[in-house]
Amino acid sequence: MHELSLMQSVTDIIKESAAQNNICKISKVKLVIGKFSMALPDSMQFAFEAIAATEPLFEGAVLEIEPRSIICQCLECDKQTKIEDSYQFVCSGCGSAKVEIIQGRELYLDYYEGE
């Protein structure tokens, strides 16, 4: 379960930033997770809850996850195509396989709130 190590890294970043900014209580954490990152939102939520249960800084904090779909842009006709569950990277306009992934690889901490 690589989500636990990912979430540990996220909470470490938040702890360091909170210490630098004299924040002693985190109330909300927002992550952006692209489907192609292969990080499972439910597993990330579970990992956050497990970490928050042992870290006083995160007691009562809420994790918000913004999922991002995979979107490709065709290099032939310039059309953007949302890739569904099939992972067939083909343009829905012209059928070309010459596409570039322009969204869906994201995995980052958008922001956190605290006091």
N, C-alpha and C. Protein backbone atom coordinates (compact mmCIF):
# COMPACT_ATOMS: atom_id res chain seq x y z
N MET A 1 0.85 -1.18 0.00
CA MET A 1 0.00 0.00 0.00
C MET A 1 0.90 1.25 0.00
N HIS A 2 1.22 1.73 -1.18
CA HIS A 2 2.10 2.89 -1.28
C HIS A 2 1.40 4.18 -0.85
N GLU A 3 0.09 4.15 -0.73
CA GLU A 3 -0.65 5.33 -0.30
C GLU A 3 -0.26 5.77 1.11
N LEU A 4 0.09 4.81 1.96
CA LEU A 4 0.49 5.16 3.32
C LEU A 4 1.78 5.97 3.31
N SER A 5 2.75 5.56 2.50
CA SER A 5 4.00 6.32 2.43
C SER A 5 3.79 7.66 1.75
N LEU A 6 2.90 7.72 0.77
CA LEU A 6 2.58 8.99 0.13
C LEU A 6 1.96 9.95 1.14
N MET A 7 1.01 9.45 1.91
CA MET A 7 0.34 10.30 2.89
C MET A 7 1.29 10.69 4.01
N GLN A 8 2.22 9.81 4.37
CA GLN A 8 3.21 10.17 5.38
C GLN A 8 4.06 11.34 4.88
N SER A 9 4.42 11.32 3.61
CA SER A 9 5.19 12.42 3.03
C SER A 9 4.38 13.72 3.04
N VAL A 10 3.10 13.63 2.70
CA VAL A 10 2.23 14.81 2.71
C VAL A 10 2.13 15.39 4.12
N THR A 11 1.90 14.54 5.10
CA THR A 11 1.76 15.05 6.47
C THR A 11 3.09 15.59 7.00
N ASP A 12 4.21 15.02 6.57
CA ASP A 12 5.52 15.55 6.96
C ASP A 12 5.71 16.96 6.41
N ILE A 13 5.31 17.17 5.16
CA ILE A 13 5.40 18.50 4.54
C ILE A 13 4.54 19.50 5.31
N ILE A 14 3.33 19.08 5.65
CA ILE A 14 2.42 19.95 6.39
C ILE A 14 2.98 20.27 7.78
N LYS A 15 3.52 19.25 8.46
CA LYS A 15 4.08 19.48 9.79
C LYS A 15 5.22 20.50 9.74
N GLU A 16 6.08 20.37 8.75
CA GLU A 16 7.20 21.30 8.61
C GLU A 16 6.70 22.73 8.33
N SER A 17 5.74 22.84 7.42
CA SER A 17 5.19 24.15 7.09
C SER A 17 4.44 24.75 8.28
N ALA A 18 3.68 23.94 8.98
CA ALA A 18 2.93 24.41 10.14
C ALA A 18 3.87 24.93 11.22
N ALA A 19 4.97 24.22 11.44
CA ALA A 19 5.94 24.66 12.44
C ALA A 19 6.56 26.01 12.05
N GLN A 20 6.85 26.18 10.78
CA GLN A 20 7.43 27.44 10.30
C GLN A 20 6.46 28.61 10.42
N ASN A 21 5.17 28.31 10.38
CA ASN A 21 4.14 29.35 10.39
C ASN A 21 3.37 29.43 11.71
N ASN A 22 3.90 28.80 12.75
CA ASN A 22 3.29 28.81 14.08
C ASN A 22 1.84 28.32 14.08
N ILE A 23 1.58 27.28 13.31
CA ILE A 23 0.25 26.67 13.27
C ILE A 23 0.29 25.42 14.14
N CYS A 24 -0.63 25.33 15.08
CA CYS A 24 -0.60 24.21 16.01
C CYS A 24 -1.79 23.25 15.85
N LYS A 25 -2.68 23.55 14.93
CA LYS A 25 -3.86 22.69 14.72
C LYS A 25 -4.26 22.76 13.25
N ILE A 26 -4.29 21.62 12.59
CA ILE A 26 -4.71 21.54 11.19
C ILE A 26 -6.19 21.16 11.16
N SER A 27 -6.97 21.90 10.39
CA SER A 27 -8.40 21.60 10.31
C SER A 27 -8.79 20.96 8.98
N LYS A 28 -8.04 21.27 7.92
CA LYS A 28 -8.41 20.74 6.61
C LYS A 28 -7.17 20.59 5.75
N VAL A 29 -7.15 19.51 4.97
CA VAL A 29 -6.09 19.24 4.01
C VAL A 29 -6.75 18.92 2.68
N LYS A 30 -6.28 19.56 1.61
CA LYS A 30 -6.85 19.27 0.29
C LYS A 30 -5.76 18.74 -0.63
N LEU A 31 -6.04 17.56 -1.20
CA LEU A 31 -5.15 16.94 -2.17
C LEU A 31 -5.82 16.90 -3.53
N VAL A 32 -5.01 16.97 -4.57
CA VAL A 32 -5.47 16.77 -5.94
C VAL A 32 -4.83 15.47 -6.41
N ILE A 33 -5.67 14.53 -6.84
CA ILE A 33 -5.18 13.22 -7.24
C ILE A 33 -5.69 12.88 -8.63
N GLY A 34 -4.78 12.79 -9.57
CA GLY A 34 -5.13 12.38 -10.93
C GLY A 34 -5.29 10.88 -11.01
N LYS A 35 -6.19 10.46 -11.85
CA LYS A 35 -6.48 9.03 -11.98
C LYS A 35 -5.26 8.25 -12.45
N PHE A 36 -4.43 8.87 -13.28
CA PHE A 36 -3.27 8.18 -13.82
C PHE A 36 -2.12 8.11 -12.82
N SER A 37 -2.25 8.78 -11.68
CA SER A 37 -1.20 8.71 -10.65
C SER A 37 -1.21 7.35 -9.96
N MET A 38 -2.30 6.64 -10.10
CA MET A 38 -2.51 5.31 -9.51
C MET A 38 -2.60 5.34 -7.98
N ALA A 39 -2.75 6.51 -7.39
CA ALA A 39 -3.01 6.61 -5.95
C ALA A 39 -4.52 6.52 -5.76
N LEU A 40 -4.95 5.60 -4.97
CA LEU A 40 -6.38 5.38 -4.76
C LEU A 40 -6.92 6.33 -3.70
N PRO A 41 -7.91 7.16 -4.05
CA PRO A 41 -8.45 8.12 -3.09
C PRO A 41 -8.93 7.48 -1.79
N ASP A 42 -9.60 6.34 -1.86
CA ASP A 42 -10.07 5.68 -0.62
C ASP A 42 -8.91 5.25 0.25
N SER A 43 -7.84 4.76 -0.36
CA SER A 43 -6.66 4.35 0.40
C SER A 43 -5.94 5.56 0.98
N MET A 44 -5.93 6.66 0.23
CA MET A 44 -5.32 7.89 0.75
C MET A 44 -6.11 8.40 1.96
N GLN A 45 -7.43 8.31 1.87
CA GLN A 45 -8.29 8.72 2.99
C GLN A 45 -8.01 7.86 4.22
N PHE A 46 -7.93 6.55 4.01
CA PHE A 46 -7.65 5.61 5.10
C PHE A 46 -6.30 5.92 5.73
N ALA A 47 -5.28 6.16 4.89
CA ALA A 47 -3.95 6.46 5.39
C ALA A 47 -3.94 7.76 6.19
N PHE A 48 -4.68 8.76 5.68
CA PHE A 48 -4.76 10.04 6.40
C PHE A 48 -5.38 9.84 7.78
N GLU A 49 -6.46 9.09 7.84
CA GLU A 49 -7.14 8.84 9.12
C GLU A 49 -6.23 8.09 10.09
N ALA A 50 -5.45 7.14 9.57
CA ALA A 50 -4.53 6.39 10.42
C ALA A 50 -3.44 7.30 10.98
N ILE A 51 -2.91 8.17 10.16
CA ILE A 51 -1.87 9.10 10.60
C ILE A 51 -2.45 10.14 11.56
N ALA A 52 -3.61 10.68 11.21
CA ALA A 52 -4.25 11.70 12.04
C ALA A 52 -4.58 11.18 13.44
N ALA A 53 -4.84 9.90 13.55
CA ALA A 53 -5.17 9.30 14.85
C ALA A 53 -3.97 9.30 15.80
N THR A 54 -2.77 9.40 15.25
CA THR A 54 -1.57 9.35 16.09
C THR A 54 -0.83 10.70 16.16
N GLU A 55 -1.28 11.67 15.42
CA GLU A 55 -0.62 12.98 15.37
C GLU A 55 -1.56 14.05 15.93
N PRO A 56 -1.26 14.62 17.08
CA PRO A 56 -2.13 15.65 17.67
C PRO A 56 -2.38 16.84 16.74
N LEU A 57 -1.42 17.18 15.90
CA LEU A 57 -1.57 18.30 14.97
C LEU A 57 -2.76 18.11 14.04
N PHE A 58 -3.06 16.85 13.69
CA PHE A 58 -4.12 16.54 12.73
C PHE A 58 -5.42 16.06 13.37
N GLU A 59 -5.50 16.10 14.69
CA GLU A 59 -6.71 15.63 15.37
C GLU A 59 -7.93 16.42 14.90
N GLY A 60 -8.93 15.71 14.39
CA GLY A 60 -10.15 16.34 13.90
C GLY A 60 -10.05 16.93 12.50
N ALA A 61 -8.90 16.82 11.87
CA ALA A 61 -8.72 17.38 10.52
C ALA A 61 -9.50 16.58 9.48
N VAL A 62 -9.92 17.28 8.45
CA VAL A 62 -10.68 16.68 7.36
C VAL A 62 -9.80 16.66 6.12
N LEU A 63 -9.83 15.54 5.41
CA LEU A 63 -9.12 15.42 4.14
C LEU A 63 -10.11 15.56 3.01
N GLU A 64 -9.85 16.51 2.12
CA GLU A 64 -10.67 16.68 0.92
C GLU A 64 -9.81 16.26 -0.26
N ILE A 65 -10.37 15.44 -1.12
CA ILE A 65 -9.65 14.96 -2.30
C ILE A 65 -10.39 15.41 -3.54
N GLU A 66 -9.66 16.09 -4.41
CA GLU A 66 -10.21 16.50 -5.71
C GLU A 66 -9.67 15.55 -6.77
N PRO A 67 -10.52 14.67 -7.28
CA PRO A 67 -10.04 13.74 -8.32
C PRO A 67 -9.92 14.45 -9.67
N ARG A 68 -8.96 14.04 -10.44
CA ARG A 68 -8.77 14.58 -11.79
C ARG A 68 -8.82 13.43 -12.79
N SER A 69 -9.65 13.57 -13.79
CA SER A 69 -9.76 12.58 -14.85
C SER A 69 -8.53 12.65 -15.76
N ILE A 70 -8.35 11.60 -16.54
CA ILE A 70 -7.29 11.59 -17.53
C ILE A 70 -7.83 12.25 -18.79
N ILE A 71 -7.13 13.27 -19.26
CA ILE A 71 -7.51 13.95 -20.49
C ILE A 71 -6.30 13.99 -21.41
N CYS A 72 -6.52 13.58 -22.65
CA CYS A 72 -5.47 13.60 -23.66
C CYS A 72 -5.82 14.62 -24.73
N GLN A 73 -4.77 15.16 -25.33
CA GLN A 73 -4.95 16.07 -26.45
C GLN A 73 -4.34 15.41 -27.68
N CYS A 74 -5.12 15.37 -28.74
CA CYS A 74 -4.68 14.74 -29.98
C CYS A 74 -3.63 15.61 -30.66
N LEU A 75 -2.55 14.98 -31.08
CA LEU A 75 -1.49 15.69 -31.78
C LEU A 75 -1.80 15.82 -33.28
N GLU A 76 -2.85 15.15 -33.72
CA GLU A 76 -3.26 15.22 -35.13
C GLU A 76 -4.33 16.30 -35.34
N CYS A 77 -5.43 16.22 -34.57
CA CYS A 77 -6.56 17.14 -34.80
C CYS A 77 -6.77 18.14 -33.66
N ASP A 78 -5.98 18.04 -32.59
CA ASP A 78 -6.00 18.97 -31.46
C ASP A 78 -7.22 18.81 -30.54
N LYS A 79 -8.03 17.79 -30.74
CA LYS A 79 -9.20 17.56 -29.89
C LYS A 79 -8.77 16.98 -28.55
N GLN A 80 -9.45 17.38 -27.49
CA GLN A 80 -9.21 16.81 -26.17
C GLN A 80 -10.20 15.69 -25.92
N THR A 81 -9.70 14.59 -25.34
CA THR A 81 -10.52 13.41 -25.08
C THR A 81 -10.34 12.98 -23.64
N LYS A 82 -11.47 12.79 -22.95
CA LYS A 82 -11.43 12.26 -21.59
C LYS A 82 -11.32 10.74 -21.69
N ILE A 83 -10.32 10.19 -21.01
CA ILE A 83 -10.09 8.75 -21.05
C ILE A 83 -10.88 8.11 -19.92
N GLU A 84 -11.72 7.18 -20.27
CA GLU A 84 -12.54 6.49 -19.28
C GLU A 84 -11.79 5.28 -18.74
N ASP A 85 -12.47 4.34 -18.18
CA ASP A 85 -11.86 3.20 -17.51
C ASP A 85 -11.07 2.26 -18.42
N SER A 86 -11.26 2.34 -19.71
CA SER A 86 -10.62 1.39 -20.62
C SER A 86 -9.14 1.67 -20.84
N TYR A 87 -8.68 2.88 -20.51
CA TYR A 87 -7.30 3.29 -20.74
C TYR A 87 -6.87 3.09 -22.19
N GLN A 88 -7.79 3.37 -23.10
CA GLN A 88 -7.46 3.36 -24.53
C GLN A 88 -7.14 4.79 -24.91
N PHE A 89 -5.87 5.05 -25.12
CA PHE A 89 -5.40 6.40 -25.41
C PHE A 89 -5.51 6.68 -26.90
N VAL A 90 -6.76 6.91 -27.32
CA VAL A 90 -7.09 7.15 -28.72
C VAL A 90 -8.00 8.37 -28.79
N CYS A 91 -7.75 9.23 -29.75
CA CYS A 91 -8.56 10.42 -29.94
C CYS A 91 -10.00 10.05 -30.28
N SER A 92 -10.94 10.67 -29.58
CA SER A 92 -12.35 10.40 -29.86
C SER A 92 -12.82 11.11 -31.13
N GLY A 93 -12.02 12.05 -31.63
CA GLY A 93 -12.40 12.78 -32.83
C GLY A 93 -11.95 12.09 -34.11
N CYS A 94 -10.64 11.81 -34.20
CA CYS A 94 -10.10 11.26 -35.45
C CYS A 94 -9.61 9.83 -35.33
N GLY A 95 -9.55 9.30 -34.11
CA GLY A 95 -9.12 7.92 -33.91
C GLY A 95 -7.61 7.74 -33.84
N SER A 96 -6.87 8.82 -33.85
CA SER A 96 -5.41 8.74 -33.81
C SER A 96 -4.94 8.30 -32.42
N ALA A 97 -3.85 7.56 -32.42
CA ALA A 97 -3.22 7.16 -31.17
C ALA A 97 -2.11 8.13 -30.78
N LYS A 98 -1.92 9.16 -31.56
CA LYS A 98 -0.91 10.17 -31.27
C LYS A 98 -1.52 11.23 -30.36
N VAL A 99 -1.52 10.91 -29.07
CA VAL A 99 -2.11 11.80 -28.09
C VAL A 99 -1.10 12.09 -26.98
N GLU A 100 -1.31 13.22 -26.32
CA GLU A 100 -0.48 13.62 -25.19
C GLU A 100 -1.37 13.74 -23.97
N ILE A 101 -0.95 13.15 -22.87
CA ILE A 101 -1.71 13.26 -21.63
C ILE A 101 -1.49 14.66 -21.06
N ILE A 102 -2.58 15.42 -20.93
CA ILE A 102 -2.47 16.79 -20.41
C ILE A 102 -3.07 16.94 -19.02
N GLN A 103 -3.77 15.92 -18.56
CA GLN A 103 -4.32 15.95 -17.20
C GLN A 103 -4.49 14.52 -16.72
N GLY A 104 -4.30 14.33 -15.41
CA GLY A 104 -4.55 13.02 -14.83
C GLY A 104 -3.35 12.44 -14.10
N ARG A 105 -2.19 13.09 -14.23
CA ARG A 105 -0.98 12.62 -13.54
C ARG A 105 -0.78 13.32 -12.19
N GLU A 106 -1.64 14.27 -11.87
CA GLU A 106 -1.47 15.09 -10.68
C GLU A 106 -1.50 14.26 -9.40
N LEU A 107 -0.68 14.67 -8.47
CA LEU A 107 -0.71 14.15 -7.11
C LEU A 107 0.02 15.17 -6.26
N TYR A 108 -0.76 16.09 -5.70
CA TYR A 108 -0.12 17.16 -4.92
C TYR A 108 -1.04 17.69 -3.83
N LEU A 109 -0.37 18.31 -2.86
CA LEU A 109 -1.06 19.00 -1.78
C LEU A 109 -1.47 20.37 -2.32
N ASP A 110 -2.76 20.60 -2.41
CA ASP A 110 -3.27 21.88 -2.91
C ASP A 110 -3.14 22.95 -1.82
N TYR A 111 -3.65 22.63 -0.63
CA TYR A 111 -3.52 23.54 0.50
C TYR A 111 -3.90 22.83 1.78
N TYR A 112 -3.60 23.49 2.88
CA TYR A 112 -4.10 23.05 4.17
C TYR A 112 -4.56 24.27 4.94
N GLU A 113 -5.48 24.06 5.87
CA GLU A 113 -5.97 25.12 6.73
C GLU A 113 -5.68 24.75 8.18
N GLY A 114 -5.36 25.77 8.96
CA GLY A 114 -5.08 25.51 10.36
C GLY A 114 -5.08 26.81 11.15
N GLU A 115 -4.82 26.66 12.43
CA GLU A 115 -4.78 27.84 13.30
C GLU A 115 -3.61 27.75 14.25
